[in-house]
Amino acid sequence: PPRMRERVWRQVAEGGVRVVAGARSALFLPFRELGLIVVDEEHDPAYKQEDRVFYNARDMAVVRGHIGGFPVVLASATPSVESRVNASQG
């Protein structure tokens, strides 16, 4: 519900929330100090946003980690081709 999202957003912005397990939109929460992102089942096509603004949450997580200087863990028993290529290239 919208009220719940607003409350979570506010709590994250104020530093009252240390851990969030969320969907694609959790990437855009205003964390003060983000130290790790875990993308579980990174191969899942559900990470792709295809309405209005097109993005892949897995790729956005990697970019956010790079900019913020913290690790991003891409977890999957069946990694995507992109992740396998990126891992082999360092």
PDB file of N, CA and C in Angstrom:
ATOM      1  N   PRO A   1       0.819  -1.202   0.000  1.00  0.00           N
ATOM      2  CA  PRO A   1       0.000   0.000   0.000  1.00  0.00           C
ATOM      3  C   PRO A   1       0.863   1.267   0.000  1.00  0.00           C
ATOM      4  N   PRO A   2       0.363   2.337  -0.571  1.00  0.00           N
ATOM      5  CA  PRO A   2       1.134   3.581  -0.648  1.00  0.00           C
ATOM      6  C   PRO A   2       1.602   4.099   0.714  1.00  0.00           C
ATOM      7  N   ARG A   3       0.773   4.014   1.732  1.00  0.00           N
ATOM      8  CA  ARG A   3       1.174   4.509   3.054  1.00  0.00           C
ATOM      9  C   ARG A   3       2.353   3.720   3.613  1.00  0.00           C
ATOM     10  N   MET A   4       2.344   2.413   3.391  1.00  0.00           N
ATOM     11  CA  MET A   4       3.443   1.570   3.857  1.00  0.00           C
ATOM     12  C   MET A   4       4.738   1.943   3.125  1.00  0.00           C
ATOM     13  N   ARG A   5       4.661   2.148   1.815  1.00  0.00           N
ATOM     14  CA  ARG A   5       5.834   2.540   1.037  1.00  0.00           C
ATOM     15  C   ARG A   5       6.378   3.879   1.516  1.00  0.00           C
ATOM     16  N   GLU A   6       5.483   4.805   1.769  1.00  0.00           N
ATOM     17  CA  GLU A   6       5.907   6.125   2.254  1.00  0.00           C
ATOM     18  C   GLU A   6       6.583   6.006   3.616  1.00  0.00           C
ATOM     19  N   ARG A   7       6.044   5.188   4.486  1.00  0.00           N
ATOM     20  CA  ARG A   7       6.625   5.004   5.818  1.00  0.00           C
ATOM     21  C   ARG A   7       8.025   4.377   5.726  1.00  0.00           C
ATOM     22  N   VAL A   8       8.157   3.362   4.897  1.00  0.00           N
ATOM     23  CA  VAL A   8       9.462   2.714   4.718  1.00  0.00           C
ATOM     24  C   VAL A   8      10.454   3.706   4.130  1.00  0.00           C
ATOM     25  N   TRP A   9      10.038   4.464   3.113  1.00  0.00           N
ATOM     26  CA  TRP A   9      10.919   5.453   2.488  1.00  0.00           C
ATOM     27  C   TRP A   9      11.420   6.440   3.541  1.00  0.00           C
ATOM     28  N   ARG A  10      10.508   6.941   4.370  1.00  0.00           N
ATOM     29  CA  ARG A  10      10.866   7.917   5.402  1.00  0.00           C
ATOM     30  C   ARG A  10      11.830   7.308   6.422  1.00  0.00           C
ATOM     31  N   GLN A  11      11.547   6.085   6.862  1.00  0.00           N
ATOM     32  CA  GLN A  11      12.406   5.428   7.848  1.00  0.00           C
ATOM     33  C   GLN A  11      13.807   5.178   7.295  1.00  0.00           C
ATOM     34  N   VAL A  12      13.894   4.799   6.046  1.00  0.00           N
ATOM     35  CA  VAL A  12      15.206   4.600   5.416  1.00  0.00           C
ATOM     36  C   VAL A  12      15.942   5.932   5.335  1.00  0.00           C
ATOM     37  N   ALA A  13      15.267   6.979   4.905  1.00  0.00           N
ATOM     38  CA  ALA A  13      15.886   8.300   4.777  1.00  0.00           C
ATOM     39  C   ALA A  13      16.388   8.822   6.113  1.00  0.00           C
ATOM     40  N   GLU A  14      15.689   8.490   7.186  1.00  0.00           N
ATOM     41  CA  GLU A  14      16.077   8.963   8.518  1.00  0.00           C
ATOM     42  C   GLU A  14      17.111   8.048   9.177  1.00  0.00           C
ATOM     43  N   GLY A  15      17.474   6.959   8.509  1.00  0.00           N
ATOM     44  CA  GLY A  15      18.464   6.042   9.060  1.00  0.00           C
ATOM     45  C   GLY A  15      17.904   5.054  10.056  1.00  0.00           C
ATOM     46  N   GLY A  16      16.595   4.937  10.125  1.00  0.00           N
ATOM     47  CA  GLY A  16      15.964   4.031  11.075  1.00  0.00           C
ATOM     48  C   GLY A  16      15.849   2.598  10.603  1.00  0.00           C
ATOM     49  N   VAL A  17      16.191   2.340   9.358  1.00  0.00           N
ATOM     50  CA  VAL A  17      16.118   0.990   8.802  1.00  0.00           C
ATOM     51  C   VAL A  17      17.507   0.603   8.326  1.00  0.00           C
ATOM     52  N   ARG A  18      17.981  -0.554   8.770  1.00  0.00           N
ATOM     53  CA  ARG A  18      19.328  -0.995   8.401  1.00  0.00           C
ATOM     54  C   ARG A  18      19.330  -2.059   7.301  1.00  0.00           C
ATOM     55  N   VAL A  19      18.240  -2.810   7.197  1.00  0.00           N
ATOM     56  CA  VAL A  19      18.165  -3.886   6.213  1.00  0.00           C
ATOM     57  C   VAL A  19      16.804  -3.829   5.524  1.00  0.00           C
ATOM     58  N   VAL A  20      16.819  -3.953   4.205  1.00  0.00           N
ATOM     59  CA  VAL A  20      15.576  -3.992   3.440  1.00  0.00           C
ATOM     60  C   VAL A  20      15.646  -5.177   2.487  1.00  0.00           C
ATOM     61  N   ALA A  21      14.625  -5.989   2.486  1.00  0.00           N
ATOM     62  CA  ALA A  21      14.454  -7.025   1.475  1.00  0.00           C
ATOM     63  C   ALA A  21      13.310  -6.538   0.615  1.00  0.00           C
ATOM     64  N   GLY A  22      13.591  -6.276  -0.647  1.00  0.00           N
ATOM     65  CA  GLY A  22      12.541  -5.675  -1.453  1.00  0.00           C
ATOM     66  C   GLY A  22      12.614  -6.043  -2.917  1.00  0.00           C
ATOM     67  N   ALA A  23      11.709  -5.480  -3.652  1.00  0.00           N
ATOM     68  CA  ALA A  23      11.628  -5.677  -5.091  1.00  0.00           C
ATOM     69  C   ALA A  23      12.545  -4.674  -5.796  1.00  0.00           C
ATOM     70  N   ARG A  24      12.381  -4.552  -7.096  1.00  0.00           N
ATOM     71  CA  ARG A  24      13.218  -3.636  -7.886  1.00  0.00           C
ATOM     72  C   ARG A  24      13.249  -2.229  -7.305  1.00  0.00           C
ATOM     73  N   SER A  25      12.120  -1.762  -6.838  1.00  0.00           N
ATOM     74  CA  SER A  25      12.023  -0.382  -6.353  1.00  0.00           C
ATOM     75  C   SER A  25      12.880  -0.126  -5.113  1.00  0.00           C
ATOM     76  N   ALA A  26      13.279  -1.158  -4.389  1.00  0.00           N
ATOM     77  CA  ALA A  26      14.122  -0.983  -3.199  1.00  0.00           C
ATOM     78  C   ALA A  26      15.464  -0.360  -3.561  1.00  0.00           C
ATOM     79  N   LEU A  27      15.888  -0.505  -4.799  1.00  0.00           N
ATOM     80  CA  LEU A  27      17.151   0.112  -5.243  1.00  0.00           C
ATOM     81  C   LEU A  27      17.123   1.629  -5.140  1.00  0.00           C
ATOM     82  N   PHE A  28      15.955   2.197  -5.179  1.00  0.00           N
ATOM     83  CA  PHE A  28      15.835   3.646  -5.218  1.00  0.00           C
ATOM     84  C   PHE A  28      15.516   4.264  -3.856  1.00  0.00           C
ATOM     85  N   LEU A  29      15.588   3.457  -2.804  1.00  0.00           N
ATOM     86  CA  LEU A  29      15.386   3.997  -1.458  1.00  0.00           C
ATOM     87  C   LEU A  29      16.570   4.879  -1.078  1.00  0.00           C
ATOM     88  N   PRO A  30      16.331   5.943  -0.307  1.00  0.00           N
ATOM     89  CA  PRO A  30      17.386   6.918   0.004  1.00  0.00           C
ATOM     90  C   PRO A  30      18.259   6.523   1.205  1.00  0.00           C
ATOM     91  N   PHE A  31      18.978   5.411   1.094  1.00  0.00           N
ATOM     92  CA  PHE A  31      19.858   4.990   2.177  1.00  0.00           C
ATOM     93  C   PHE A  31      20.940   6.028   2.427  1.00  0.00           C
ATOM     94  N   ARG A  32      21.225   6.295   3.696  1.00  0.00           N
ATOM     95  CA  ARG A  32      22.311   7.203   4.051  1.00  0.00           C
ATOM     96  C   ARG A  32      23.651   6.532   3.802  1.00  0.00           C
ATOM     97  N   GLU A  33      23.775   5.299   4.268  1.00  0.00           N
ATOM     98  CA  GLU A  33      25.010   4.536   4.087  1.00  0.00           C
ATOM     99  C   GLU A  33      24.657   3.121   3.675  1.00  0.00           C
ATOM    100  N   LEU A  34      24.746   2.862   2.403  1.00  0.00           N
ATOM    101  CA  LEU A  34      24.442   1.533   1.896  1.00  0.00           C
ATOM    102  C   LEU A  34      25.755   0.764   1.825  1.00  0.00           C
ATOM    103  N   GLY A  35      25.788  -0.447   2.388  1.00  0.00           N
ATOM    104  CA  GLY A  35      27.042  -1.183   2.452  1.00  0.00           C
ATOM    105  C   GLY A  35      27.073  -2.460   1.644  1.00  0.00           C
ATOM    106  N   LEU A  36      25.923  -2.945   1.188  1.00  0.00           N
ATOM    107  CA  LEU A  36      25.873  -4.201   0.447  1.00  0.00           C
ATOM    108  C   LEU A  36      24.513  -4.325  -0.226  1.00  0.00           C
ATOM    109  N   ILE A  37      24.533  -4.843  -1.447  1.00  0.00           N
ATOM    110  CA  ILE A  37      23.297  -5.225  -2.134  1.00  0.00           C
ATOM    111  C   ILE A  37      23.443  -6.682  -2.533  1.00  0.00           C
ATOM    112  N   VAL A  38      22.423  -7.468  -2.253  1.00  0.00           N
ATOM    113  CA  VAL A  38      22.371  -8.864  -2.687  1.00  0.00           C
ATOM    114  C   VAL A  38      21.211  -8.990  -3.661  1.00  0.00           C
ATOM    115  N   VAL A  39      21.513  -9.447  -4.854  1.00  0.00           N
ATOM    116  CA  VAL A  39      20.479  -9.698  -5.861  1.00  0.00           C
ATOM    117  C   VAL A  39      20.323 -11.212  -5.944  1.00  0.00           C
ATOM    118  N   ASP A  40      19.256 -11.726  -5.341  1.00  0.00           N
ATOM    119  CA  ASP A  40      19.028 -13.166  -5.327  1.00  0.00           C
ATOM    120  C   ASP A  40      18.336 -13.592  -6.615  1.00  0.00           C
ATOM    121  N   GLU A  41      18.737 -14.725  -7.133  1.00  0.00           N
ATOM    122  CA  GLU A  41      18.201 -15.238  -8.396  1.00  0.00           C
ATOM    123  C   GLU A  41      18.359 -14.187  -9.497  1.00  0.00           C
ATOM    124  N   GLU A  42      19.592 -13.693  -9.639  1.00  0.00           N
ATOM    125  CA  GLU A  42      19.870 -12.581 -10.549  1.00  0.00           C
ATOM    126  C   GLU A  42      19.480 -12.861 -11.998  1.00  0.00           C
ATOM    127  N   HIS A  43      19.324 -14.115 -12.360  1.00  0.00           N
ATOM    128  CA  HIS A  43      18.958 -14.468 -13.728  1.00  0.00           C
ATOM    129  C   HIS A  43      17.475 -14.240 -14.024  1.00  0.00           C
ATOM    130  N   ASP A  44      16.675 -14.020 -13.000  1.00  0.00           N
ATOM    131  CA  ASP A  44      15.219 -13.941 -13.143  1.00  0.00           C
ATOM    132  C   ASP A  44      14.807 -12.735 -13.996  1.00  0.00           C
ATOM    133  N   PRO A  45      14.019 -12.958 -15.030  1.00  0.00           N
ATOM    134  CA  PRO A  45      13.584 -11.837 -15.884  1.00  0.00           C
ATOM    135  C   PRO A  45      12.707 -10.815 -15.154  1.00  0.00           C
ATOM    136  N   ALA A  46      12.227 -11.136 -13.965  1.00  0.00           N
ATOM    137  CA  ALA A  46      11.406 -10.186 -13.201  1.00  0.00           C
ATOM    138  C   ALA A  46      12.198  -8.945 -12.798  1.00  0.00           C
ATOM    139  N   TYR A  47      13.530  -8.987 -12.872  1.00  0.00           N
ATOM    140  CA  TYR A  47      14.339  -7.815 -12.543  1.00  0.00           C
ATOM    141  C   TYR A  47      14.295  -6.762 -13.648  1.00  0.00           C
ATOM    142  N   LYS A  48      13.746  -7.124 -14.782  1.00  0.00           N
ATOM    143  CA  LYS A  48      13.667  -6.172 -15.893  1.00  0.00           C
ATOM    144  C   LYS A  48      12.393  -5.353 -15.785  1.00  0.00           C
ATOM    145  N   GLN A  49      12.555  -4.046 -15.756  1.00  0.00           N
ATOM    146  CA  GLN A  49      11.434  -3.102 -15.751  1.00  0.00           C
ATOM    147  C   GLN A  49      11.183  -2.719 -17.197  1.00  0.00           C
ATOM    148  N   GLU A  50       9.996  -2.945 -17.676  1.00  0.00           N
ATOM    149  CA  GLU A  50       9.702  -2.673 -19.079  1.00  0.00           C
ATOM    150  C   GLU A  50       8.519  -1.737 -19.265  1.00  0.00           C
ATOM    151  N   ASP A  51       8.128  -1.026 -18.212  1.00  0.00           N
ATOM    152  CA  ASP A  51       7.055  -0.036 -18.301  1.00  0.00           C
ATOM    153  C   ASP A  51       7.671   1.353 -18.182  1.00  0.00           C
ATOM    154  N   ARG A  52       7.386   2.196 -19.122  1.00  0.00           N
ATOM    155  CA  ARG A  52       7.828   3.593 -19.127  1.00  0.00           C
ATOM    156  C   ARG A  52       9.334   3.735 -19.070  1.00  0.00           C
ATOM    157  N   VAL A  53       9.933   3.487 -17.919  1.00  0.00           N
ATOM    158  CA  VAL A  53      11.389   3.588 -17.774  1.00  0.00           C
ATOM    159  C   VAL A  53      11.949   2.168 -17.842  1.00  0.00           C
ATOM    160  N   PHE A  54      12.828   1.926 -18.802  1.00  0.00           N
ATOM    161  CA  PHE A  54      13.371   0.594 -18.995  1.00  0.00           C
ATOM    162  C   PHE A  54      14.697   0.464 -18.244  1.00  0.00           C
ATOM    163  N   TYR A  55      14.803  -0.569 -17.402  1.00  0.00           N
ATOM    164  CA  TYR A  55      16.068  -0.849 -16.728  1.00  0.00           C
ATOM    165  C   TYR A  55      16.057  -2.283 -16.223  1.00  0.00           C
ATOM    166  N   ASN A  56      17.245  -2.778 -15.938  1.00  0.00           N
ATOM    167  CA  ASN A  56      17.397  -4.083 -15.325  1.00  0.00           C
ATOM    168  C   ASN A  56      17.915  -3.834 -13.914  1.00  0.00           C
ATOM    169  N   ALA A  57      17.156  -4.238 -12.910  1.00  0.00           N
ATOM    170  CA  ALA A  57      17.518  -3.964 -11.517  1.00  0.00           C
ATOM    171  C   ALA A  57      18.856  -4.591 -11.150  1.00  0.00           C
ATOM    172  N   ARG A  58      19.160  -5.740 -11.734  1.00  0.00           N
ATOM    173  CA  ARG A  58      20.463  -6.355 -11.486  1.00  0.00           C
ATOM    174  C   ARG A  58      21.585  -5.418 -11.922  1.00  0.00           C
ATOM    175  N   ASP A  59      21.465  -4.866 -13.123  1.00  0.00           N
ATOM    176  CA  ASP A  59      22.486  -3.955 -13.634  1.00  0.00           C
ATOM    177  C   ASP A  59      22.530  -2.651 -12.835  1.00  0.00           C
ATOM    178  N   MET A  60      21.366  -2.164 -12.437  1.00  0.00           N
ATOM    179  CA  MET A  60      21.312  -0.940 -11.616  1.00  0.00           C
ATOM    180  C   MET A  60      21.975  -1.163 -10.259  1.00  0.00           C
ATOM    181  N   ALA A  61      21.809  -2.352  -9.697  1.00  0.00           N
ATOM    182  CA  ALA A  61      22.449  -2.671  -8.419  1.00  0.00           C
ATOM    183  C   ALA A  61      23.964  -2.631  -8.568  1.00  0.00           C
ATOM    184  N   VAL A  62      24.469  -3.178  -9.666  1.00  0.00           N
ATOM    185  CA  VAL A  62      25.919  -3.167  -9.911  1.00  0.00           C
ATOM    186  C   VAL A  62      26.420  -1.731 -10.060  1.00  0.00           C
ATOM    187  N   VAL A  63      25.696  -0.912 -10.787  1.00  0.00           N
ATOM    188  CA  VAL A  63      26.084   0.493 -10.958  1.00  0.00           C
ATOM    189  C   VAL A  63      26.051   1.217  -9.613  1.00  0.00           C
ATOM    190  N   ARG A  64      25.003   1.004  -8.834  1.00  0.00           N
ATOM    191  CA  ARG A  64      24.910   1.675  -7.531  1.00  0.00           C
ATOM    192  C   ARG A  64      26.061   1.251  -6.614  1.00  0.00           C
ATOM    193  N   GLY A  65      26.415  -0.022  -6.638  1.00  0.00           N
ATOM    194  CA  GLY A  65      27.547  -0.495  -5.853  1.00  0.00           C
ATOM    195  C   GLY A  65      28.854   0.125  -6.306  1.00  0.00           C
ATOM    196  N   HIS A  66      29.030   0.240  -7.611  1.00  0.00           N
ATOM    197  CA  HIS A  66      30.244   0.852  -8.158  1.00  0.00           C
ATOM    198  C   HIS A  66      30.354   2.315  -7.735  1.00  0.00           C
ATOM    199  N   ILE A  67      29.280   3.042  -7.861  1.00  0.00           N
ATOM    200  CA  ILE A  67      29.271   4.465  -7.483  1.00  0.00           C
ATOM    201  C   ILE A  67      29.483   4.624  -5.979  1.00  0.00           C
ATOM    202  N   GLY A  68      28.833   3.778  -5.175  1.00  0.00           N
ATOM    203  CA  GLY A  68      28.914   3.892  -3.723  1.00  0.00           C
ATOM    204  C   GLY A  68      30.146   3.239  -3.110  1.00  0.00           C
ATOM    205  N   GLY A  69      30.865   2.444  -3.904  1.00  0.00           N
ATOM    206  CA  GLY A  69      32.064   1.796  -3.412  1.00  0.00           C
ATOM    207  C   GLY A  69      31.795   0.647  -2.448  1.00  0.00           C
ATOM    208  N   PHE A  70      30.724  -0.096  -2.677  1.00  0.00           N
ATOM    209  CA  PHE A  70      30.416  -1.241  -1.819  1.00  0.00           C
ATOM    210  C   PHE A  70      30.109  -2.452  -2.701  1.00  0.00           C
ATOM    211  N   PRO A  71      30.199  -3.658  -2.121  1.00  0.00           N
ATOM    212  CA  PRO A  71      29.992  -4.868  -2.925  1.00  0.00           C
ATOM    213  C   PRO A  71      28.539  -5.124  -3.283  1.00  0.00           C
ATOM    214  N   VAL A  72      28.379  -5.801  -4.405  1.00  0.00           N
ATOM    215  CA  VAL A  72      27.076  -6.274  -4.860  1.00  0.00           C
ATOM    216  C   VAL A  72      27.233  -7.773  -5.125  1.00  0.00           C
ATOM    217  N   VAL A  73      26.409  -8.570  -4.499  1.00  0.00           N
ATOM    218  CA  VAL A  73      26.450 -10.022  -4.665  1.00  0.00           C
ATOM    219  C   VAL A  73      25.323 -10.419  -5.611  1.00  0.00           C
ATOM    220  N   LEU A  74      25.688 -11.062  -6.710  1.00  0.00           N
ATOM    221  CA  LEU A  74      24.703 -11.588  -7.653  1.00  0.00           C
ATOM    222  C   LEU A  74      24.632 -13.087  -7.418  1.00  0.00           C
ATOM    223  N   ALA A  75      23.531 -13.537  -6.853  1.00  0.00           N
ATOM    224  CA  ALA A  75      23.390 -14.944  -6.482  1.00  0.00           C
ATOM    225  C   ALA A  75      22.431 -15.662  -7.419  1.00  0.00           C
ATOM    226  N   SER A  76      22.813 -16.885  -7.793  1.00  0.00           N
ATOM    227  CA  SER A  76      21.937 -17.697  -8.630  1.00  0.00           C
ATOM    228  C   SER A  76      22.556 -19.072  -8.805  1.00  0.00           C
ATOM    229  N   ALA A  77      21.724 -20.097  -8.769  1.00  0.00           N
ATOM    230  CA  ALA A  77      22.194 -21.442  -9.083  1.00  0.00           C
ATOM    231  C   ALA A  77      22.395 -21.583 -10.585  1.00  0.00           C
ATOM    232  N   THR A  78      21.717 -20.717 -11.350  1.00  0.00           N
ATOM    233  CA  THR A  78      21.816 -20.725 -12.812  1.00  0.00           C
ATOM    234  C   THR A  78      22.079 -19.302 -13.290  1.00  0.00           C
ATOM    235  N   PRO A  79      23.323 -18.817 -13.170  1.00  0.00           N
ATOM    236  CA  PRO A  79      23.626 -17.425 -13.524  1.00  0.00           C
ATOM    237  C   PRO A  79      23.279 -17.090 -14.974  1.00  0.00           C
ATOM    238  N   SER A  80      22.950 -15.833 -15.175  1.00  0.00           N
ATOM    239  CA  SER A  80      22.648 -15.365 -16.529  1.00  0.00           C
ATOM    240  C   SER A  80      23.920 -15.367 -17.364  1.00  0.00           C
ATOM    241  N   VAL A  81      23.747 -15.398 -18.669  1.00  0.00           N
ATOM    242  CA  VAL A  81      24.889 -15.352 -19.580  1.00  0.00           C
ATOM    243  C   VAL A  81      25.690 -14.072 -19.341  1.00  0.00           C
ATOM    244  N   GLU A  82      24.995 -12.953 -19.163  1.00  0.00           N
ATOM    245  CA  GLU A  82      25.685 -11.677 -18.934  1.00  0.00           C
ATOM    246  C   GLU A  82      26.575 -11.745 -17.700  1.00  0.00           C
ATOM    247  N   SER A  83      26.055 -12.313 -16.618  1.00  0.00           N
ATOM    248  CA  SER A  83      26.839 -12.392 -15.386  1.00  0.00           C
ATOM    249  C   SER A  83      28.031 -13.332 -15.537  1.00  0.00           C
ATOM    250  N   ARG A  84      27.848 -14.416 -16.263  1.00  0.00           N
ATOM    251  CA  ARG A  84      28.971 -15.337 -16.484  1.00  0.00           C
ATOM    252  C   ARG A  84      30.074 -14.654 -17.285  1.00  0.00           C
ATOM    253  N   VAL A  85      29.707 -13.925 -18.313  1.00  0.00           N
ATOM    254  CA  VAL A  85      30.696 -13.218 -19.129  1.00  0.00           C
ATOM    255  C   VAL A  85      31.384 -12.146 -18.293  1.00  0.00           C
ATOM    256  N   ASN A  86      30.609 -11.356 -17.556  1.00  0.00           N
ATOM    257  CA  ASN A  86      31.198 -10.304 -16.719  1.00  0.00           C
ATOM    258  C   ASN A  86      32.145 -10.887 -15.674  1.00  0.00           C
ATOM    259  N   ALA A  87      31.773 -12.004 -15.067  1.00  0.00           N
ATOM    260  CA  ALA A  87      32.627 -12.632 -14.053  1.00  0.00           C
ATOM    261  C   ALA A  87      33.925 -13.153 -14.675  1.00  0.00           C
ATOM    262  N   SER A  88      33.844 -13.692 -15.867  1.00  0.00           N
ATOM    263  CA  SER A  88      35.050 -14.229 -16.505  1.00  0.00           C
ATOM    264  C   SER A  88      35.984 -13.115 -16.971  1.00  0.00           C
ATOM    265  N   GLN A  89      35.429 -11.921 -17.215  1.00  0.00           N
ATOM    266  CA  GLN A  89      36.239 -10.793 -17.668  1.00  0.00           C
ATOM    267  C   GLN A  89      36.716  -9.914 -16.517  1.00  0.00           C
ATOM    268  N   GLY A  90      36.268 -10.235 -15.299  1.00  0.00           N
ATOM    269  CA  GLY A  90      36.696  -9.470 -14.128  1.00  0.00           C
ATOM    270  C   GLY A  90      35.900  -8.259 -13.977  1.00  0.00           C
TER     271      GLY A  90
END
